[in-house]
Amino acid sequence: MKNAFIQLLLCFIILTSLANPSQGQSIAWTEYNTINSSFPDNSIRCITYENDSTVWIGTDFGLAKLVNGQWTNYNTSNSGLASNSIRSMAIDKFGVKWIGTFTNGLCSYNDTVWTNINTFNSPLPDDFIRSLAIDTNNVIWVGTTGGLVRIDSLVTFTIYDQFNSIMNSSNIASMYVDPLTNNKWVGTVNGGLILIDKDTNFTEFYTGNSGISDNTLLGLDMDVSGNVFMASPANGLLVKLSGFGWVTYNLASSNIPTASLTCLKLDDIDQPWIGTADKGVLYKNGSNFIVYDTANSPLTDVVIQCVNIDDSGKVWIGTQTGGLFVLDPSLLTGISSTGSFTNVSVYPNPANEVLFYNSPFPTVSCEITDLSGRLLLSESGTSNQIEVHALSTGLYQIRFIYEDGNSVTRKFLKQ
């Protein structure tokens, strides 16, 4: 009788898991909200990594810092933060945090002093800071609704807008800095894509002069081949090929479930994780789009406002009303099994003298190659570090080889 009961219980568990796929994969997800943690707000606007153990989260009610499982909240009541409505964030090479707000301009925080830069005390053209980027020279690039601003050492402000440049729009929604060339890619609202080469040469791509299929770009990232991926709010996923041509993944050309995209970030094999305005999170697995929403995952909200990927490959997802979700793709089913999703991290990244790495399994060897696959360095995988001081400045790949023949590849930048 007891054995029969156990068999019946096991059948019930299996059937329940099949009926609700999210239950079977919930181990891959971690959720943070105002109920289960000391979190300031469930509307997440930006996610920024300071190092392997510190994550900064911008919300609609202040800034949150997560360090080794402990939260610290900053708002206008307990800090020098100029506004509780956070929209963007970046951290420069000196560890200074740059925080873009919705109504009160730009804040900087060096872990001691808060400084506010706004339209009253600086040439900043607008107090709504939609996007931020730090280039390889530690120059601050600020995307406002009134133009693009370059800030050099808090002394020189250079403003680019539709009146003094070739830009068709002054509303800057997204930015990406190429770590190899220091070129800036700028996504606008209704003005297309801007390439800034050598900080002076502007090239504009819009529907009237190129194959780009939407002039509003809410997210930007670039793969190792130089292809630029863009999140469009009206026409799906756009890709500017590094050689020649454009690709659009929309409802007519692919199995993407929605054309309303809000953000994106490429993983270590250069496949995008994409936030949407109505379908949750998408993962482009080759030519197929996998959907994670309230029906098949622990997500409680399908409106995704930001997405980022940490050095271990975990995907951090900010929702409009459901809080923060962290996904470990290595524990999911439905995504191709690749070594990229093993919990392997390299640090510091960028590296200067020594590159360290963590791996949950013993490695036989590790190899460093350039982006064309040419082998440059090879060492046994027993020391958890490799000397990289002899490498020239640039982007490289490090491949970890395991006893069973499997391997994991990570990208890193040599300073």
Protein backbone atom coordinates (compact mmCIF):
# COMPACT_ATOMS: atom_id res chain seq x y z
CA MET A 1 0.00 0.00 0.00
CA LYS A 2 2.84 2.36 0.89
CA ASN A 3 4.65 1.63 -2.39
CA ALA A 4 1.46 2.25 -4.34
CA PHE A 5 1.02 5.63 -2.64
CA ILE A 6 4.61 6.63 -3.46
CA GLN A 7 4.12 5.63 -7.10
CA LEU A 8 0.89 7.66 -7.26
CA LEU A 9 2.66 10.68 -5.73
CA LEU A 10 5.52 10.45 -8.22
CA CYS A 11 3.04 10.28 -11.11
CA PHE A 12 1.28 13.39 -9.76
CA ILE A 13 4.58 15.31 -9.54
CA ILE A 14 5.58 14.35 -13.08
CA LEU A 15 2.18 15.24 -14.52
CA THR A 16 2.17 18.56 -12.67
CA SER A 17 5.63 19.40 -14.02
CA LEU A 18 4.53 18.58 -17.57
CA ALA A 19 1.42 20.70 -17.19
CA ASN A 20 3.43 23.60 -15.84
CA PRO A 21 6.85 23.74 -17.55
CA SER A 22 7.95 26.73 -15.47
CA GLN A 23 7.88 24.59 -12.32
CA GLY A 24 10.39 22.18 -13.81
CA GLN A 25 12.78 24.99 -14.73
CA SER A 26 12.26 27.33 -11.79
CA ILE A 27 15.58 26.26 -10.28
CA ALA A 28 17.27 28.29 -13.02
CA TRP A 29 15.58 31.50 -11.87
CA THR A 30 16.10 33.83 -8.91
CA GLU A 31 13.57 36.56 -8.15
CA TYR A 32 14.02 39.80 -6.21
CA ASN A 33 11.10 42.04 -5.36
CA THR A 34 9.83 44.27 -2.57
CA ILE A 35 8.22 41.28 -0.83
CA ASN A 36 11.12 38.82 -0.65
CA SER A 37 14.00 41.28 -0.26
CA SER A 38 14.86 44.80 0.91
CA PHE A 39 14.31 46.09 -2.59
CA PRO A 40 13.24 49.72 -3.21
CA ASP A 41 10.80 49.22 -6.10
CA ASN A 42 9.58 46.58 -8.54
CA SER A 43 10.04 48.75 -11.64
CA ILE A 44 13.61 48.05 -12.84
CA ARG A 45 15.15 50.49 -15.33
CA CYS A 46 18.85 49.57 -15.59
CA ILE A 47 21.35 46.93 -14.41
CA THR A 48 25.10 47.60 -14.15
CA TYR A 49 27.96 45.41 -12.90
CA GLU A 50 30.78 46.99 -10.92
CA ASN A 51 32.70 43.72 -10.42
CA ASP A 52 32.07 40.01 -9.93
CA SER A 53 30.26 40.55 -6.63
CA THR A 54 28.61 43.98 -6.95
CA VAL A 55 25.53 44.78 -9.02
CA TRP A 56 23.77 48.15 -9.23
CA ILE A 57 20.06 48.30 -10.01
CA GLY A 58 18.27 51.49 -11.05
CA THR A 59 14.57 51.58 -10.18
CA ASP A 60 11.66 54.01 -10.20
CA PHE A 61 12.27 54.65 -6.50
CA GLY A 62 16.00 54.88 -6.05
CA LEU A 63 19.21 52.99 -6.61
CA ALA A 64 19.96 49.54 -5.15
CA LYS A 65 23.32 47.82 -4.69
CA LEU A 66 23.61 44.06 -4.29
CA VAL A 67 26.86 42.76 -2.76
CA ASN A 68 27.14 39.06 -1.81
CA GLY A 69 23.40 38.78 -1.25
CA GLN A 70 23.08 42.00 0.77
CA TRP A 71 21.09 44.99 -0.49
CA THR A 72 21.90 48.67 0.10
CA ASN A 73 19.41 51.28 -1.09
CA TYR A 74 20.12 54.89 -2.03
CA ASN A 75 17.45 57.55 -2.45
CA THR A 76 16.96 61.29 -2.07
CA SER A 77 16.29 60.87 1.67
CA ASN A 78 19.43 58.97 2.68
CA SER A 79 22.00 60.08 0.08
CA GLY A 80 22.96 62.81 -2.36
CA LEU A 81 21.03 61.15 -5.17
CA ALA A 82 19.29 63.95 -7.08
CA SER A 83 16.19 61.98 -8.10
CA ASN A 84 14.62 58.64 -7.23
CA SER A 85 13.59 57.98 -10.84
CA ILE A 86 16.66 56.25 -12.31
CA ARG A 87 16.87 55.60 -16.06
CA SER A 88 20.51 54.72 -16.88
CA MET A 89 23.88 53.99 -15.28
CA ALA A 90 27.54 53.46 -16.19
CA ILE A 91 30.76 53.02 -14.17
CA ASP A 92 34.03 54.57 -15.34
CA LYS A 93 37.55 53.14 -15.02
CA PHE A 94 38.08 54.92 -11.69
CA GLY A 95 34.99 53.30 -10.19
CA VAL A 96 32.87 56.46 -10.32
CA LYS A 97 29.18 55.68 -10.75
CA TRP A 98 27.31 57.81 -13.28
CA ILE A 99 23.55 57.76 -12.80
CA GLY A 100 21.03 59.15 -15.26
CA THR A 101 17.70 60.30 -13.85
CA PHE A 102 14.29 61.00 -15.32
CA THR A 103 13.80 64.54 -14.03
CA ASN A 104 17.00 65.89 -12.47
CA GLY A 105 19.90 65.25 -14.81
CA LEU A 106 23.07 63.31 -14.13
CA CYS A 107 24.58 62.22 -10.80
CA SER A 108 28.08 60.98 -10.09
CA TYR A 109 29.10 59.02 -6.99
CA ASN A 110 32.68 58.08 -6.08
CA ASP A 111 31.64 56.03 -3.03
CA THR A 112 32.02 59.14 -0.88
CA VAL A 113 30.75 62.28 -2.63
CA TRP A 114 27.62 62.78 -4.72
CA THR A 115 27.63 65.38 -7.50
CA ASN A 116 24.59 66.51 -9.48
CA ILE A 117 24.86 67.88 -13.02
CA ASN A 118 21.69 69.35 -14.48
CA THR A 119 20.38 72.06 -16.79
CA PHE A 120 20.71 74.71 -14.06
CA ASN A 121 24.40 74.24 -13.23
CA SER A 122 25.81 72.97 -16.55
CA PRO A 123 25.32 73.10 -20.34
CA LEU A 124 23.34 69.84 -20.17
CA PRO A 125 20.49 70.31 -22.71
CA ASP A 126 17.87 68.25 -20.87
CA ASP A 127 17.41 66.63 -17.44
CA PHE A 128 16.03 63.34 -18.80
CA ILE A 129 19.08 61.04 -19.17
CA ARG A 130 17.97 58.02 -21.21
CA SER A 131 21.37 56.39 -21.80
CA LEU A 132 24.99 56.53 -20.65
CA ALA A 133 28.29 55.15 -21.96
CA ILE A 134 31.98 55.41 -21.03
CA ASP A 135 34.44 55.23 -23.90
CA THR A 136 37.96 53.77 -23.81
CA ASN A 137 39.42 57.19 -22.96
CA ASN A 138 37.08 57.45 -19.94
CA VAL A 139 35.03 60.15 -21.66
CA ILE A 140 31.41 60.26 -20.48
CA TRP A 141 28.75 60.13 -23.21
CA VAL A 142 25.30 61.18 -22.08
CA GLY A 143 22.16 60.47 -24.07
CA THR A 144 19.40 62.96 -23.25
CA THR A 145 16.06 63.75 -24.85
CA GLY A 146 17.62 67.04 -25.95
CA GLY A 147 20.83 65.77 -27.55
CA LEU A 148 24.01 63.76 -27.16
CA VAL A 149 26.55 65.19 -24.70
CA ARG A 150 30.26 64.46 -24.47
CA ILE A 151 31.76 65.32 -21.06
CA ASP A 152 35.54 65.52 -20.69
CA SER A 153 36.78 65.63 -17.07
CA LEU A 154 33.65 67.52 -15.99
CA VAL A 155 35.13 70.59 -17.67
CA THR A 156 34.21 70.48 -21.34
CA PHE A 157 30.68 69.78 -22.51
CA THR A 158 30.18 69.15 -26.23
CA ILE A 159 26.58 68.85 -27.38
CA TYR A 160 25.41 67.23 -30.60
CA ASP A 161 21.79 67.58 -31.70
CA GLN A 162 19.64 67.83 -34.82
CA PHE A 163 20.45 71.52 -35.17
CA ASN A 164 24.27 71.44 -35.11
CA SER A 165 24.98 68.01 -36.62
CA ILE A 166 23.68 65.58 -39.22
CA MET A 167 21.48 63.84 -36.64
CA ASN A 168 17.78 63.69 -37.50
CA SER A 169 16.80 63.42 -33.83
CA SER A 170 18.06 64.85 -30.54
CA ASN A 171 16.38 62.10 -28.53
CA ILE A 172 19.12 59.58 -27.66
CA ALA A 173 17.75 56.19 -26.57
CA SER A 174 20.76 53.83 -26.57
CA MET A 175 24.54 53.72 -27.00
CA TYR A 176 27.34 51.21 -27.51
CA VAL A 177 31.12 51.83 -27.46
CA ASP A 178 33.29 49.50 -29.53
CA PRO A 179 36.13 48.51 -27.14
CA LEU A 180 38.57 47.97 -30.03
CA THR A 181 38.05 51.14 -32.09
CA ASN A 182 36.41 53.43 -29.51
CA ASN A 183 33.72 54.12 -32.12
CA LYS A 184 30.36 55.09 -30.72
CA TRP A 185 27.08 53.66 -32.01
CA VAL A 186 24.08 55.77 -31.05
CA GLY A 187 20.43 54.76 -31.29
CA THR A 188 17.87 57.54 -31.48
CA VAL A 189 14.11 57.96 -31.28
CA ASN A 190 12.84 58.59 -34.82
CA GLY A 191 16.31 59.49 -36.10
CA GLY A 192 17.90 56.14 -36.90
CA LEU A 193 21.41 54.94 -36.09
CA ILE A 194 24.50 57.16 -35.73
CA LEU A 195 28.12 56.03 -36.05
CA ILE A 196 30.68 58.37 -34.48
CA ASP A 197 34.15 57.52 -35.79
CA LYS A 198 37.21 59.09 -34.12
CA ASP A 199 34.84 61.31 -32.12
CA THR A 200 34.37 63.66 -35.07
CA ASN A 201 33.07 61.78 -38.10
CA PHE A 202 29.30 61.25 -37.98
CA THR A 203 27.54 58.78 -40.27
CA GLU A 204 23.77 58.41 -40.13
CA PHE A 205 21.69 55.38 -41.12
CA TYR A 206 17.94 55.80 -41.36
CA THR A 207 15.10 54.39 -43.43
CA GLY A 208 15.59 57.02 -46.13
CA ASN A 209 19.25 56.23 -46.90
CA SER A 210 19.86 52.61 -45.84
CA GLY A 211 18.33 49.20 -45.29
CA ILE A 212 17.49 49.89 -41.66
CA SER A 213 13.78 49.19 -41.16
CA ASP A 214 12.99 51.36 -38.12
CA ASN A 215 14.30 54.76 -37.03
CA THR A 216 13.81 54.15 -33.29
CA LEU A 217 16.40 51.94 -31.58
CA LEU A 218 15.97 51.19 -27.88
CA GLY A 219 18.89 48.78 -27.47
CA LEU A 220 22.32 48.28 -29.10
CA ASP A 221 25.08 45.69 -28.94
CA MET A 222 27.81 44.39 -31.25
CA ASP A 223 29.22 40.91 -31.85
CA VAL A 224 32.88 39.97 -32.40
CA SER A 225 32.42 40.20 -36.18
CA GLY A 226 31.26 43.81 -35.97
CA ASN A 227 27.59 43.15 -36.65
CA VAL A 228 25.41 45.66 -34.79
CA PHE A 229 22.23 44.30 -33.17
CA MET A 230 19.36 46.72 -32.49
CA ALA A 231 16.08 46.46 -30.59
CA SER A 232 13.26 48.17 -32.45
CA PRO A 233 9.96 48.99 -30.71
CA ALA A 234 7.97 48.58 -33.94
CA ASN A 235 9.78 46.20 -36.30
CA GLY A 236 11.58 43.58 -34.25
CA LEU A 237 15.29 42.72 -34.20
CA LEU A 238 17.50 44.63 -36.64
CA VAL A 239 21.08 43.75 -37.58
CA LYS A 240 23.56 45.91 -39.45
CA LEU A 241 26.05 43.50 -41.02
CA SER A 242 29.71 44.47 -40.69
CA GLY A 243 30.36 43.98 -44.39
CA PHE A 244 27.32 45.12 -46.28
CA GLY A 245 23.60 44.76 -45.76
CA TRP A 246 20.86 44.74 -43.17
CA VAL A 247 18.70 41.99 -41.67
CA THR A 248 15.30 42.37 -40.01
CA TYR A 249 13.70 39.69 -37.84
CA ASN A 250 10.03 40.62 -37.58
CA LEU A 251 6.64 38.89 -37.65
CA ALA A 252 6.80 38.47 -41.42
CA SER A 253 10.37 37.18 -41.73
CA SER A 254 10.87 34.98 -38.65
CA ASN A 255 9.17 33.20 -35.76
CA ILE A 256 9.78 36.12 -33.42
CA PRO A 257 6.52 36.43 -31.42
CA THR A 258 6.43 40.24 -31.27
CA ALA A 259 7.91 43.20 -33.09
CA SER A 260 7.84 45.40 -29.97
CA LEU A 261 11.34 45.13 -28.50
CA THR A 262 12.68 47.24 -25.63
CA CYS A 263 16.30 46.16 -25.01
CA LEU A 264 18.90 43.49 -25.80
CA LYS A 265 22.26 42.07 -24.79
CA LEU A 266 24.48 39.54 -26.57
CA ASP A 267 25.77 36.48 -24.70
CA ASP A 268 29.21 34.88 -25.00
CA ILE A 269 28.33 33.14 -28.25
CA ASP A 270 26.91 36.39 -29.63
CA GLN A 271 23.26 35.37 -29.51
CA PRO A 272 20.89 38.07 -28.20
CA TRP A 273 18.72 38.01 -25.11
CA ILE A 274 15.90 40.41 -25.88
CA GLY A 275 13.38 42.27 -23.75
CA THR A 276 9.94 42.92 -25.18
CA ALA A 277 7.01 45.16 -24.35
CA ASP A 278 4.44 42.37 -24.37
CA LYS A 279 5.99 38.87 -24.64
CA GLY A 280 8.56 38.64 -21.86
CA VAL A 281 12.14 37.66 -22.69
CA LEU A 282 13.30 36.19 -25.99
CA TYR A 283 16.45 34.24 -26.77
CA LYS A 284 17.61 33.95 -30.37
CA ASN A 285 18.94 30.40 -30.61
CA GLY A 286 20.31 30.26 -34.15
CA SER A 287 17.36 31.13 -36.39
CA ASN A 288 14.80 30.24 -33.72
CA PHE A 289 13.38 32.56 -31.05
CA ILE A 290 12.65 31.01 -27.65
CA VAL A 291 10.09 32.77 -25.46
CA TYR A 292 10.12 33.02 -21.66
CA ASP A 293 6.95 34.55 -20.26
CA THR A 294 4.47 34.13 -17.41
CA ALA A 295 3.20 30.84 -18.87
CA ASN A 296 6.47 28.91 -18.99
CA SER A 297 8.75 30.65 -16.50
CA PRO A 298 8.64 32.32 -13.06
CA LEU A 299 8.35 35.75 -14.72
CA THR A 300 5.38 37.64 -13.26
CA ASP A 301 5.46 40.46 -15.81
CA VAL A 302 5.97 40.34 -19.59
CA VAL A 303 6.99 44.00 -19.91
CA ILE A 304 10.80 43.96 -19.84
CA GLN A 305 12.57 47.29 -19.35
CA CYS A 306 16.22 46.18 -19.26
CA VAL A 307 18.41 43.11 -19.66
CA ASN A 308 22.11 42.50 -18.99
CA ILE A 309 24.49 39.52 -18.74
CA ASP A 310 27.16 39.09 -16.09
CA ASP A 311 30.59 37.48 -16.49
CA SER A 312 29.29 34.05 -15.46
CA GLY A 313 26.65 34.09 -18.21
CA LYS A 314 23.64 34.76 -15.97
CA VAL A 315 20.93 36.93 -17.50
CA TRP A 316 19.57 39.77 -15.34
CA ILE A 317 16.08 40.90 -16.31
CA GLY A 318 14.31 44.04 -15.13
CA THR A 319 10.52 44.14 -15.42
CA GLN A 320 8.02 46.99 -15.28
CA THR A 321 6.07 45.79 -12.23
CA GLY A 322 7.41 42.36 -11.23
CA GLY A 323 10.87 43.20 -9.95
CA LEU A 324 14.22 41.69 -10.89
CA PHE A 325 14.80 38.18 -12.25
CA VAL A 326 18.15 36.41 -12.65
CA LEU A 327 18.31 33.48 -15.05
CA ASP A 328 21.05 30.87 -15.26
CA PRO A 329 20.69 29.51 -18.83
CA SER A 330 22.92 26.50 -18.08
CA LEU A 331 20.06 25.07 -16.00
CA LEU A 332 17.40 25.51 -18.67
CA THR A 333 16.09 23.06 -21.20
CA GLY A 334 15.23 24.23 -24.70
CA ILE A 335 18.50 26.10 -25.30
CA SER A 336 21.21 24.34 -27.28
CA SER A 337 23.76 22.75 -25.03
CA THR A 338 26.91 24.81 -25.38
CA GLY A 339 29.90 25.20 -23.11
CA SER A 340 29.18 28.93 -23.13
CA PHE A 341 26.56 28.40 -20.46
CA THR A 342 28.76 26.53 -18.01
CA ASN A 343 29.33 28.67 -14.94
CA VAL A 344 32.77 29.93 -15.98
CA SER A 345 33.93 33.50 -15.39
CA VAL A 346 37.09 35.45 -16.26
CA TYR A 347 38.30 38.54 -14.43
CA PRO A 348 39.34 41.30 -14.41
CA ASN A 349 37.83 42.16 -17.76
CA PRO A 350 39.48 44.24 -19.23
CA ALA A 351 42.74 42.59 -18.10
CA ASN A 352 46.21 44.04 -17.94
CA GLU A 353 48.87 41.66 -16.55
CA VAL A 354 47.05 38.51 -15.40
CA LEU A 355 43.68 37.02 -16.34
CA PHE A 356 42.05 34.91 -13.61
CA TYR A 357 39.26 32.41 -14.15
CA ASN A 358 36.76 30.38 -12.16
CA SER A 359 35.30 27.08 -13.30
CA PRO A 360 33.10 24.56 -11.49
CA PHE A 361 35.01 21.69 -13.15
CA PRO A 362 38.76 21.01 -13.40
CA THR A 363 40.22 22.19 -16.71
CA VAL A 364 42.90 20.30 -18.62
CA SER A 365 44.17 23.35 -20.47
CA CYS A 366 43.26 26.85 -21.59
CA GLU A 367 44.06 28.52 -24.90
CA ILE A 368 44.01 32.18 -25.89
CA THR A 369 43.31 33.00 -29.52
CA ASP A 370 42.61 36.11 -31.52
CA LEU A 371 39.17 36.54 -33.06
CA SER A 372 40.23 34.69 -36.20
CA GLY A 373 41.07 31.60 -34.11
CA ARG A 374 44.87 31.90 -34.30
CA LEU A 375 46.43 30.33 -31.18
CA LEU A 376 48.54 32.81 -29.17
CA LEU A 377 48.96 31.26 -25.70
CA SER A 378 48.34 27.85 -24.18
CA GLU A 379 48.72 26.66 -20.58
CA SER A 380 47.58 23.84 -18.33
CA GLY A 381 44.33 24.63 -16.55
CA THR A 382 45.49 23.96 -13.01
CA SER A 383 46.53 27.43 -11.81
CA ASN A 384 43.28 29.36 -12.47
CA GLN A 385 45.28 32.20 -13.99
CA ILE A 386 47.18 33.01 -17.16
CA GLU A 387 49.72 35.74 -17.91
CA VAL A 388 48.46 38.11 -20.64
CA HIS A 389 50.92 41.02 -20.33
CA ALA A 390 52.62 40.06 -23.62
CA LEU A 391 49.41 40.44 -25.61
CA SER A 392 48.75 43.62 -27.56
CA THR A 393 45.73 45.74 -26.68
CA GLY A 394 42.62 44.21 -28.21
CA LEU A 395 39.81 41.69 -27.94
CA TYR A 396 40.66 37.99 -27.46
CA GLN A 397 39.03 34.64 -26.78
CA ILE A 398 40.06 32.19 -24.05
CA ARG A 399 39.01 28.55 -24.44
CA PHE A 400 38.84 26.16 -21.48
CA ILE A 401 39.16 22.46 -22.32
CA TYR A 402 37.79 19.78 -19.96
CA GLU A 403 38.62 16.12 -19.42
CA ASP A 404 35.50 14.92 -21.27
CA GLY A 405 36.49 16.88 -24.39
CA ASN A 406 33.96 19.67 -23.91
CA SER A 407 35.12 23.27 -23.98
CA VAL A 408 33.96 26.75 -22.96
CA THR A 409 34.93 30.01 -24.66
CA ARG A 410 34.94 33.45 -23.09
CA LYS A 411 35.84 36.84 -24.58
CA PHE A 412 38.08 39.35 -22.79
CA LEU A 413 39.66 42.70 -23.54
CA LYS A 414 43.40 43.21 -23.04
CA GLN A 415 44.24 46.77 -22.02
